[in-house]
C-alpha atoms as a PDB file:
ATOM      1  CA  MET A   1      43.129  38.989 -10.947  1.00  0.00           C
ATOM      2  CA  ASN A   2      40.196  41.165  -9.882  1.00  0.00           C
ATOM      3  CA  HIS A   3      38.635  43.278 -12.636  1.00  0.00           C
ATOM      4  CA  LYS A   4      37.456  46.785 -11.809  1.00  0.00           C
ATOM      5  CA  THR A   5      33.669  47.071 -12.011  1.00  0.00           C
ATOM      6  CA  GLY A   6      32.944  50.548 -10.651  1.00  0.00           C
ATOM      7  CA  LEU A   7      33.596  53.974 -12.154  1.00  0.00           C
ATOM      8  CA  ASP A   8      36.062  56.639 -11.022  1.00  0.00           C
ATOM      9  CA  TYR A   9      33.628  59.384 -12.005  1.00  0.00           C
ATOM     10  CA  PHE A  10      30.205  59.781 -13.614  1.00  0.00           C
ATOM     11  CA  PRO A  11      28.432  62.597 -15.484  1.00  0.00           C
ATOM     12  CA  LEU A  12      25.982  64.723 -13.509  1.00  0.00           C
ATOM     13  CA  ASP A  13      23.581  66.724 -15.654  1.00  0.00           C
ATOM     14  CA  ILE A  14      23.607  70.449 -14.895  1.00  0.00           C
ATOM     15  CA  ASP A  15      19.798  70.290 -14.639  1.00  0.00           C
ATOM     16  CA  PHE A  16      19.940  67.457 -12.105  1.00  0.00           C
ATOM     17  CA  PHE A  17      18.394  69.541  -9.315  1.00  0.00           C
ATOM     18  CA  GLN A  18      15.692  70.857 -11.677  1.00  0.00           C
ATOM     19  CA  ASP A  19      14.577  67.324 -12.497  1.00  0.00           C
ATOM     20  CA  GLU A  20      11.022  66.975 -11.163  1.00  0.00           C
ATOM     21  CA  LYS A  21      11.929  63.717  -9.400  1.00  0.00           C
ATOM     22  CA  ILE A  22      14.645  65.498  -7.409  1.00  0.00           C
ATOM     23  CA  GLU A  23      12.452  68.554  -6.869  1.00  0.00           C
ATOM     24  CA  PHE A  24       9.911  66.347  -5.068  1.00  0.00           C
ATOM     25  CA  VAL A  25      12.701  64.981  -2.872  1.00  0.00           C
ATOM     26  CA  SER A  26      13.930  68.500  -2.187  1.00  0.00           C
ATOM     27  CA  ALA A  27      10.411  69.672  -1.361  1.00  0.00           C
ATOM     28  CA  ARG A  28       9.975  66.929   1.234  1.00  0.00           C
ATOM     29  CA  PHE A  29      13.474  66.581   2.687  1.00  0.00           C
ATOM     30  CA  GLY A  30      15.320  69.769   1.774  1.00  0.00           C
ATOM     31  CA  ILE A  31      19.027  69.795   1.018  1.00  0.00           C
ATOM     32  CA  LYS A  32      19.508  66.550   2.969  1.00  0.00           C
ATOM     33  CA  GLY A  33      17.295  64.775   0.458  1.00  0.00           C
ATOM     34  CA  GLU A  34      19.337  66.149  -2.436  1.00  0.00           C
ATOM     35  CA  LEU A  35      22.564  65.101  -0.733  1.00  0.00           C
ATOM     36  CA  ILE A  36      21.272  61.577  -0.134  1.00  0.00           C
ATOM     37  CA  ALA A  37      20.218  61.259  -3.799  1.00  0.00           C
ATOM     38  CA  VAL A  38      23.660  62.319  -5.070  1.00  0.00           C
ATOM     39  CA  ARG A  39      25.478  60.069  -2.590  1.00  0.00           C
ATOM     40  CA  LEU A  40      23.303  57.128  -3.651  1.00  0.00           C
ATOM     41  CA  LEU A  41      24.428  57.673  -7.238  1.00  0.00           C
ATOM     42  CA  CYS A  42      28.059  57.874  -6.104  1.00  0.00           C
ATOM     43  CA  LYS A  43      27.736  54.600  -4.207  1.00  0.00           C
ATOM     44  CA  ILE A  44      26.020  52.869  -7.136  1.00  0.00           C
ATOM     45  CA  TYR A  45      28.607  53.949  -9.702  1.00  0.00           C
ATOM     46  CA  ARG A  46      31.464  53.207  -7.321  1.00  0.00           C
ATOM     47  CA  GLN A  47      30.539  49.532  -7.467  1.00  0.00           C
ATOM     48  CA  GLY A  48      28.833  49.350 -10.855  1.00  0.00           C
ATOM     49  CA  TYR A  49      25.282  49.989 -12.016  1.00  0.00           C
ATOM     50  CA  TYR A  50      23.094  48.865  -9.125  1.00  0.00           C
ATOM     51  CA  LEU A  51      22.936  48.778  -5.337  1.00  0.00           C
ATOM     52  CA  HIS A  52      21.400  46.091  -3.151  1.00  0.00           C
ATOM     53  CA  TRP A  53      19.245  47.899  -0.602  1.00  0.00           C
ATOM     54  CA  ASP A  54      17.983  46.714   2.781  1.00  0.00           C
ATOM     55  CA  ASP A  55      17.843  48.018   6.331  1.00  0.00           C
ATOM     56  CA  ASP A  56      21.522  47.259   7.010  1.00  0.00           C
ATOM     57  CA  ALA A  57      22.523  49.116   3.843  1.00  0.00           C
ATOM     58  CA  ALA A  58      20.421  52.087   4.940  1.00  0.00           C
ATOM     59  CA  LEU A  59      22.008  52.082   8.391  1.00  0.00           C
ATOM     60  CA  LEU A  60      25.573  52.134   7.029  1.00  0.00           C
ATOM     61  CA  PHE A  61      24.664  54.648   4.362  1.00  0.00           C
ATOM     62  CA  ALA A  62      23.199  57.038   6.946  1.00  0.00           C
ATOM     63  CA  LYS A  63      26.384  56.756   8.976  1.00  0.00           C
ATOM     64  CA  GLY A  64      28.360  57.790   5.899  1.00  0.00           C
ATOM     65  CA  VAL A  65      26.118  60.787   5.234  1.00  0.00           C
ATOM     66  CA  GLY A  66      26.613  62.058   8.768  1.00  0.00           C
ATOM     67  CA  ASP A  67      25.121  65.352  10.014  1.00  0.00           C
ATOM     68  CA  GLY A  68      22.718  63.434  12.252  1.00  0.00           C
ATOM     69  CA  VAL A  69      20.896  61.814   9.324  1.00  0.00           C
ATOM     70  CA  GLN A  70      18.954  58.757  10.519  1.00  0.00           C
ATOM     71  CA  HIS A  71      18.606  55.619   8.434  1.00  0.00           C
ATOM     72  CA  SER A  72      14.821  56.067   8.526  1.00  0.00           C
ATOM     73  CA  CYS A  73      15.281  59.395   6.733  1.00  0.00           C
ATOM     74  CA  VAL A  74      17.485  57.712   4.133  1.00  0.00           C
ATOM     75  CA  ASN A  75      14.815  55.069   3.557  1.00  0.00           C
ATOM     76  CA  ASP A  76      12.156  57.749   3.202  1.00  0.00           C
ATOM     77  CA  VAL A  77      14.241  59.418   0.475  1.00  0.00           C
ATOM     78  CA  VAL A  78      14.793  56.067  -1.265  1.00  0.00           C
ATOM     79  CA  TYR A  79      11.064  55.356  -1.314  1.00  0.00           C
ATOM     80  CA  GLU A  80      10.337  58.847  -2.623  1.00  0.00           C
ATOM     81  CA  LEU A  81      12.854  58.246  -5.426  1.00  0.00           C
ATOM     82  CA  LEU A  82      11.236  54.895  -6.178  1.00  0.00           C
ATOM     83  CA  LYS A  83       7.791  56.452  -6.176  1.00  0.00           C
ATOM     84  CA  ARG A  84       8.885  59.156  -8.617  1.00  0.00           C
ATOM     85  CA  GLY A  85      10.595  56.711 -10.988  1.00  0.00           C
ATOM     86  CA  PHE A  86      14.160  57.836 -10.247  1.00  0.00           C
ATOM     87  CA  PHE A  87      14.878  54.168  -9.502  1.00  0.00           C
ATOM     88  CA  ASP A  88      13.069  51.274 -11.190  1.00  0.00           C
ATOM     89  CA  LYS A  89      10.232  50.045  -8.959  1.00  0.00           C
ATOM     90  CA  SER A  90       9.818  46.624 -10.573  1.00  0.00           C
ATOM     91  CA  ILE A  91      13.472  45.684 -10.070  1.00  0.00           C
ATOM     92  CA  PHE A  92      13.328  46.865  -6.470  1.00  0.00           C
ATOM     93  CA  LYS A  93      10.183  44.874  -5.752  1.00  0.00           C
ATOM     94  CA  ARG A  94      11.704  41.669  -7.113  1.00  0.00           C
ATOM     95  CA  PHE A  95      15.299  41.920  -5.904  1.00  0.00           C
ATOM     96  CA  SER A  96      15.599  44.865  -3.437  1.00  0.00           C
ATOM     97  CA  ILE A  97      17.976  46.491  -5.913  1.00  0.00           C
ATOM     98  CA  LEU A  98      18.283  50.190  -6.749  1.00  0.00           C
ATOM     99  CA  THR A  99      19.005  50.859 -10.412  1.00  0.00           C
ATOM    100  CA  SER A 100      17.465  52.545 -13.447  1.00  0.00           C
ATOM    101  CA  LYS A 101      17.672  52.607 -17.223  1.00  0.00           C
ATOM    102  CA  GLY A 102      19.580  55.905 -17.113  1.00  0.00           C
ATOM    103  CA  ILE A 103      22.089  54.630 -14.552  1.00  0.00           C
ATOM    104  CA  GLN A 104      22.753  51.505 -16.591  1.00  0.00           C
ATOM    105  CA  LYS A 105      23.093  53.405 -19.873  1.00  0.00           C
ATOM    106  CA  ARG A 106      25.652  55.787 -18.378  1.00  0.00           C
ATOM    107  CA  TYR A 107      27.561  52.963 -16.697  1.00  0.00           C
ATOM    108  CA  PHE A 108      27.913  50.793 -19.807  1.00  0.00           C
ATOM    109  CA  GLU A 109      28.763  53.821 -21.950  1.00  0.00           C
ATOM    110  CA  ALA A 110      31.585  54.648 -19.514  1.00  0.00           C
ATOM    111  CA  SER A 111      32.744  50.999 -19.578  1.00  0.00           C
ATOM    112  CA  LYS A 112      32.901  50.628 -23.379  1.00  0.00           C
ATOM    113  CA  ARG A 113      36.700  50.376 -23.433  1.00  0.00           C
ATOM    114  CA  ARG A 114      36.769  47.593 -20.878  1.00  0.00           C
ATOM    115  CA  LYS A 115      36.670  43.940 -21.792  1.00  0.00           C
ATOM    116  CA  ASN A 116      34.199  41.391 -20.467  1.00  0.00           C
ATOM    117  CA  VAL A 117      32.100  43.684 -18.276  1.00  0.00           C
ATOM    118  CA  PRO A 118      29.749  41.396 -16.283  1.00  0.00           C
ATOM    119  CA  ALA A 119      26.026  42.127 -16.249  1.00  0.00           C
ATOM    120  CA  ILE A 120      23.072  40.320 -14.694  1.00  0.00           C
ATOM    121  CA  ARG A 121      20.415  39.694 -17.321  1.00  0.00           C
ATOM    122  CA  GLU A 122      17.498  39.736 -14.897  1.00  0.00           C
ATOM    123  CA  ILE A 123      18.107  43.318 -13.788  1.00  0.00           C
ATOM    124  CA  LEU A 124      19.145  44.831 -17.130  1.00  0.00           C
ATOM    125  CA  LEU A 125      16.871  47.601 -18.353  1.00  0.00           C
ATOM    126  CA  ILE A 126      18.725  48.786 -21.484  1.00  0.00           C
ATOM    127  CA  ASP A 127      18.930  47.591 -25.069  1.00  0.00           C
ATOM    128  CA  GLY A 128      21.648  45.239 -26.304  1.00  0.00           C
ATOM    129  CA  HIS A 129      23.128  48.092 -28.356  1.00  0.00           C
ATOM    130  CA  TYR A 130      25.057  49.137 -25.256  1.00  0.00           C
ATOM    131  CA  LEU A 131      26.224  45.646 -24.362  1.00  0.00           C
ATOM    132  CA  GLU A 132      28.794  44.787 -27.031  1.00  0.00           C
ATOM    133  CA  ASN A 133      31.560  44.146 -24.491  1.00  0.00           C
ATOM    134  CA  VAL A 134      29.341  42.676 -21.776  1.00  0.00           C
ATOM    135  CA  ASP A 135      29.209  39.121 -20.446  1.00  0.00           C
ATOM    136  CA  ILE A 136      25.564  38.415 -19.661  1.00  0.00           C
ATOM    137  CA  LEU A 137      25.068  36.415 -16.474  1.00  0.00           C
ATOM    138  CA  PHE A 138      21.803  34.630 -15.830  1.00  0.00           C
ATOM    139  CA  GLN A 139      22.465  34.023 -12.153  1.00  0.00           C
ATOM    140  CA  ASP A 140      24.606  35.598  -9.454  1.00  0.00           C
ATOM    141  CA  VAL A 141      24.007  34.033  -6.058  1.00  0.00           C
ATOM    142  CA  ASN A 142      26.665  36.174  -4.400  1.00  0.00           C
ATOM    143  CA  ILE A 143      24.699  39.310  -5.195  1.00  0.00           C
ATOM    144  CA  LEU A 144      21.104  38.224  -5.022  1.00  0.00           C
ATOM    145  CA  GLY A 145      21.383  35.540  -2.363  1.00  0.00           C
ATOM    146  CA  GLU A 146      18.196  33.610  -1.845  1.00  0.00           C
ATOM    147  CA  ASP A 147      16.674  35.213  -4.943  1.00  0.00           C
ATOM    148  CA  ALA A 148      18.821  32.912  -7.126  1.00  0.00           C
ATOM    149  CA  ASP A 149      15.861  30.556  -7.546  1.00  0.00           C
ATOM    150  CA  ILE A 150      13.803  33.466  -8.804  1.00  0.00           C
ATOM    151  CA  LEU A 151      16.510  34.311 -11.332  1.00  0.00           C
ATOM    152  CA  LYS A 152      16.447  30.802 -12.777  1.00  0.00           C
ATOM    153  CA  GLN A 153      12.780  31.200 -13.568  1.00  0.00           C
ATOM    154  CA  SER A 154      12.688  34.870 -14.513  1.00  0.00           C
ATOM    155  CA  LYS A 155      13.734  34.410 -18.147  1.00  0.00           C
ATOM    156  CA  VAL A 156      10.730  32.171 -18.739  1.00  0.00           C
ATOM    157  CA  LYS A 157       8.420  34.627 -16.984  1.00  0.00           C
ATOM    158  CA  GLU A 158       9.845  37.720 -18.701  1.00  0.00           C
ATOM    159  CA  SER A 159       7.722  37.642 -21.849  1.00  0.00           C
ATOM    160  CA  LYS A 160       4.554  37.007 -19.833  1.00  0.00           C
ATOM    161  CA  VAL A 161       5.292  39.987 -17.587  1.00  0.00           C
ATOM    162  CA  LYS A 162       5.865  42.236 -20.588  1.00  0.00           C
ATOM    163  CA  GLU A 163       2.551  41.193 -22.086  1.00  0.00           C
ATOM    164  CA  SER A 164       0.702  42.112 -18.889  1.00  0.00           C
ATOM    165  CA  LYS A 165       2.296  45.503 -18.255  1.00  0.00           C
ATOM    166  CA  VAL A 166       0.163  47.746 -20.435  1.00  0.00           C
ATOM    167  CA  ILE A 167      -3.503  48.432 -19.836  1.00  0.00           C
ATOM    168  CA  GLU A 168      -5.030  50.145 -22.881  1.00  0.00           C
ATOM    169  CA  ALA A 169      -6.650  53.545 -22.420  1.00  0.00           C
ATOM    170  CA  THR A 170      -9.983  52.188 -23.660  1.00  0.00           C
ATOM    171  CA  ASP A 171      -9.875  49.549 -20.957  1.00  0.00           C
ATOM    172  CA  CYS A 172      -9.200  52.253 -18.350  1.00  0.00           C
ATOM    173  CA  ASP A 173     -12.182  54.237 -19.579  1.00  0.00           C
ATOM    174  CA  ASP A 174     -14.387  51.196 -19.088  1.00  0.00           C
ATOM    175  CA  ILE A 175     -12.875  50.316 -15.717  1.00  0.00           C
ATOM    176  CA  PHE A 176     -13.339  53.771 -14.180  1.00  0.00           C
ATOM    177  CA  ALA A 177     -16.640  54.657 -15.838  1.00  0.00           C
ATOM    178  CA  GLY A 178     -18.966  56.115 -13.222  1.00  0.00           C
ATOM    179  CA  ARG A 179     -16.266  56.154 -10.538  1.00  0.00           C
ATOM    180  CA  SER A 180     -15.217  59.316  -8.702  1.00  0.00           C
ATOM    181  CA  PHE A 181     -11.467  58.667  -8.790  1.00  0.00           C
ATOM    182  CA  SER A 182      -8.868  61.405  -9.272  1.00  0.00           C
ATOM    183  CA  ASP A 183      -6.201  60.917 -11.950  1.00  0.00           C
ATOM    184  CA  THR A 184      -3.654  60.152  -9.220  1.00  0.00           C
ATOM    185  CA  VAL A 185      -5.776  57.427  -7.664  1.00  0.00           C
ATOM    186  CA  GLN A 186      -6.614  56.011 -11.098  1.00  0.00           C
ATOM    187  CA  ALA A 187      -2.892  55.713 -11.867  1.00  0.00           C
ATOM    188  CA  ALA A 188      -2.326  53.891  -8.569  1.00  0.00           C
ATOM    189  CA  VAL A 189      -5.200  51.485  -9.310  1.00  0.00           C
ATOM    190  CA  VAL A 190      -3.736  50.733 -12.758  1.00  0.00           C
ATOM    191  CA  ASP A 191      -0.376  50.003 -11.072  1.00  0.00           C
ATOM    192  CA  TRP A 192      -2.167  47.651  -8.669  1.00  0.00           C
ATOM    193  CA  LEU A 193      -3.898  45.784 -11.503  1.00  0.00           C
ATOM    194  CA  GLU A 194      -0.580  45.390 -13.329  1.00  0.00           C
ATOM    195  CA  TYR A 195       0.982  44.149 -10.090  1.00  0.00           C
ATOM    196  CA  LYS A 196      -1.777  41.541  -9.713  1.00  0.00           C
ATOM    197  CA  LYS A 197      -1.208  40.394 -13.288  1.00  0.00           C
ATOM    198  CA  GLU A 198       2.479  39.904 -12.513  1.00  0.00           C
ATOM    199  CA  ARG A 199       1.410  37.717  -9.591  1.00  0.00           C
ATOM    200  CA  LYS A 200      -0.865  35.791 -11.995  1.00  0.00           C
ATOM    201  CA  ASP A 201      -3.779  36.763  -9.768  1.00  0.00           C
ATOM    202  CA  THR A 202      -6.081  38.826 -11.993  1.00  0.00           C
ATOM    203  CA  TYR A 203      -9.590  39.954 -11.060  1.00  0.00           C
ATOM    204  CA  LYS A 204     -12.800  38.589 -12.506  1.00  0.00           C
ATOM    205  CA  PRO A 205     -15.483  41.211 -13.319  1.00  0.00           C
ATOM    206  CA  LYS A 206     -17.296  40.977  -9.971  1.00  0.00           C
ATOM    207  CA  GLY A 207     -14.040  40.969  -8.040  1.00  0.00           C
ATOM    208  CA  LEU A 208     -12.796  44.032  -9.923  1.00  0.00           C
ATOM    209  CA  SER A 209     -16.067  45.847  -9.269  1.00  0.00           C
ATOM    210  CA  ALA A 210     -15.801  45.029  -5.558  1.00  0.00           C
ATOM    211  CA  LEU A 211     -12.185  46.258  -5.482  1.00  0.00           C
ATOM    212  CA  LEU A 212     -13.080  49.574  -7.114  1.00  0.00           C
ATOM    213  CA  SER A 213     -16.009  50.059  -4.737  1.00  0.00           C
ATOM    214  CA  GLN A 214     -13.713  49.361  -1.804  1.00  0.00           C
ATOM    215  CA  ILE A 215     -11.160  51.915  -3.023  1.00  0.00           C
ATOM    216  CA  GLU A 216     -13.918  54.439  -3.725  1.00  0.00           C
ATOM    217  CA  ASN A 217     -15.199  54.085  -0.152  1.00  0.00           C
ATOM    218  CA  ARG A 218     -11.672  54.475   1.227  1.00  0.00           C
ATOM    219  CA  CYS A 219     -11.280  57.688  -0.775  1.00  0.00           C
ATOM    220  CA  LYS A 220     -14.147  59.122   1.285  1.00  0.00           C
ATOM    221  CA  GLU A 221     -12.450  58.491   4.630  1.00  0.00           C
ATOM    222  CA  LEU A 222      -8.770  58.836   3.690  1.00  0.00           C
ATOM    223  CA  SER A 223      -6.796  61.488   1.850  1.00  0.00           C
ATOM    224  CA  GLU A 224      -5.733  60.890  -1.746  1.00  0.00           C
ATOM    225  CA  GLU A 225      -2.120  60.519  -0.627  1.00  0.00           C
ATOM    226  CA  GLN A 226      -3.075  57.946   2.001  1.00  0.00           C
ATOM    227  CA  VAL A 227      -4.973  55.854  -0.556  1.00  0.00           C
ATOM    228  CA  VAL A 228      -2.052  55.913  -2.997  1.00  0.00           C
ATOM    229  CA  TYR A 229       0.392  55.179  -0.168  1.00  0.00           C
ATOM    230  CA  ALA A 230      -1.587  52.117   0.986  1.00  0.00           C
ATOM    231  CA  ILE A 231      -1.682  50.743  -2.564  1.00  0.00           C
ATOM    232  CA  ASN A 232       2.027  51.356  -3.205  1.00  0.00           C
ATOM    233  CA  GLU A 233       3.139  49.933   0.124  1.00  0.00           C
ATOM    234  CA  SER A 234       0.986  46.818  -0.331  1.00  0.00           C
ATOM    235  CA  MET A 235       2.721  46.214  -3.669  1.00  0.00           C
ATOM    236  CA  ALA A 236       6.147  46.842  -2.160  1.00  0.00           C
ATOM    237  CA  CYS A 237       5.402  44.269   0.553  1.00  0.00           C
ATOM    238  CA  ASN A 238       4.135  41.750  -2.019  1.00  0.00           C
ATOM    239  CA  TYR A 239       0.726  41.540  -0.368  1.00  0.00           C
ATOM    240  CA  GLN A 240      -2.144  39.712  -2.016  1.00  0.00           C
ATOM    241  CA  GLY A 241      -4.574  42.496  -1.096  1.00  0.00           C
ATOM    242  CA  ILE A 242      -4.407  46.177  -0.168  1.00  0.00           C
ATOM    243  CA  ILE A 243      -3.623  46.717   3.527  1.00  0.00           C
ATOM    244  CA  TRP A 244      -5.525  49.857   4.447  1.00  0.00           C
ATOM    245  CA  ASP A 245      -4.284  49.981   8.034  1.00  0.00           C
ATOM    246  CA  LYS A 246      -0.924  51.114   6.663  1.00  0.00           C
ATOM    247  CA  ALA A 247      -2.522  54.350   5.434  1.00  0.00           C
ATOM    248  CA  LYS A 248      -3.987  55.092   8.860  1.00  0.00           C
ATOM    249  CA  LYS A 249      -0.513  55.172  10.401  1.00  0.00           C
ATOM    250  CA  ILE A 250       0.244  58.449   8.624  1.00  0.00           C
ATOM    251  CA  GLY A 251      -1.439  61.815   8.849  1.00  0.00           C
ATOM    252  CA  LYS A 252      -3.581  63.132   6.019  1.00  0.00           C
ATOM    253  CA  GLY A 253      -1.420  64.653   3.308  1.00  0.00           C
ATOM    254  CA  THR A 254       1.788  63.196   4.794  1.00  0.00           C
ATOM    255  CA  LEU A 255       3.648  60.233   3.373  1.00  0.00           C
ATOM    256  CA  LYS A 256       5.969  58.518   5.826  1.00  0.00           C
ATOM    257  CA  PRO A 257       7.102  55.064   4.689  1.00  0.00           C
ATOM    258  CA  ASN A 258       8.855  53.023   7.345  1.00  0.00           C
ATOM    259  CA  PHE A 259      11.403  50.620   5.906  1.00  0.00           C
ATOM    260  CA  ASP A 260      11.812  48.755   9.204  1.00  0.00           C
ATOM    261  CA  ASP A 261       8.136  47.759   9.160  1.00  0.00           C
ATOM    262  CA  ILE A 262       8.234  46.961   5.462  1.00  0.00           C
ATOM    263  CA  VAL A 263      11.200  44.603   5.823  1.00  0.00           C
ATOM    264  CA  LYS A 264       9.435  42.681   8.590  1.00  0.00           C
ATOM    265  CA  GLU A 265       6.217  42.485   6.613  1.00  0.00           C
ATOM    266  CA  MET A 266       7.977  41.330   3.434  1.00  0.00           C
ATOM    267  CA  GLU A 267       9.439  38.388   5.336  1.00  0.00           C
ATOM    268  CA  HIS A 268       5.920  37.152   6.018  1.00  0.00           C
ATOM    269  CA  ALA A 269       4.339  38.175   2.721  1.00  0.00           C
ATOM    270  CA  GLY A 270       2.815  35.507   0.518  1.00  0.00           C
END
């Protein structure tokens, strides 16, 4: 007997379109961006609390949206939502899955009367308080495919990742002392350093100094948005270093991620 996993309906906050994350999407993509965001939530809740996302998923999703929406536009909206924290970036980087703490909290709250609701431990973002009726799974090869080997190891790595996530403010003051970085670029650099820690590939003092000098020089020839874009896309593609050529593909002040290119690059990433 198949157990129902999705929801028949979900709550939508009346201030949904005033949320800054959605306002950024609306500013860039207009009403189509808002529509895509809402339909993504519908699709996620229809099947549970997450959505596996790749180029094929984007293609089919765009077809469902209709009105001439291209899958590249859908991917652009998805990456804007990831950038703004609407979806969890770390889970997406590891498993190509769209989910968030808020989505999971609402899903498990709505499923409280069900028995034995399955949940994948490696992509859970909420506290155990909401999981009284949940069967925790440590591996699901049908959902995560070739990432099953990653799942087997992730529980061991989890505590180490948590330890490396936070860079103290005093450390940031020391790191950026004498550097002409904007707050936005500083935040992107901190994200990059956290990303390198997750890869167990931290910088030694001279290497860190060289990295900051490199980024500082790039800030002189590229726009702030291009610098941040290059850093974010290099993390998304699991690159060892920052690929600056990616920033040069877009105009100054314009962010235009291309999921087709990213998928190809991720296949060859180290």
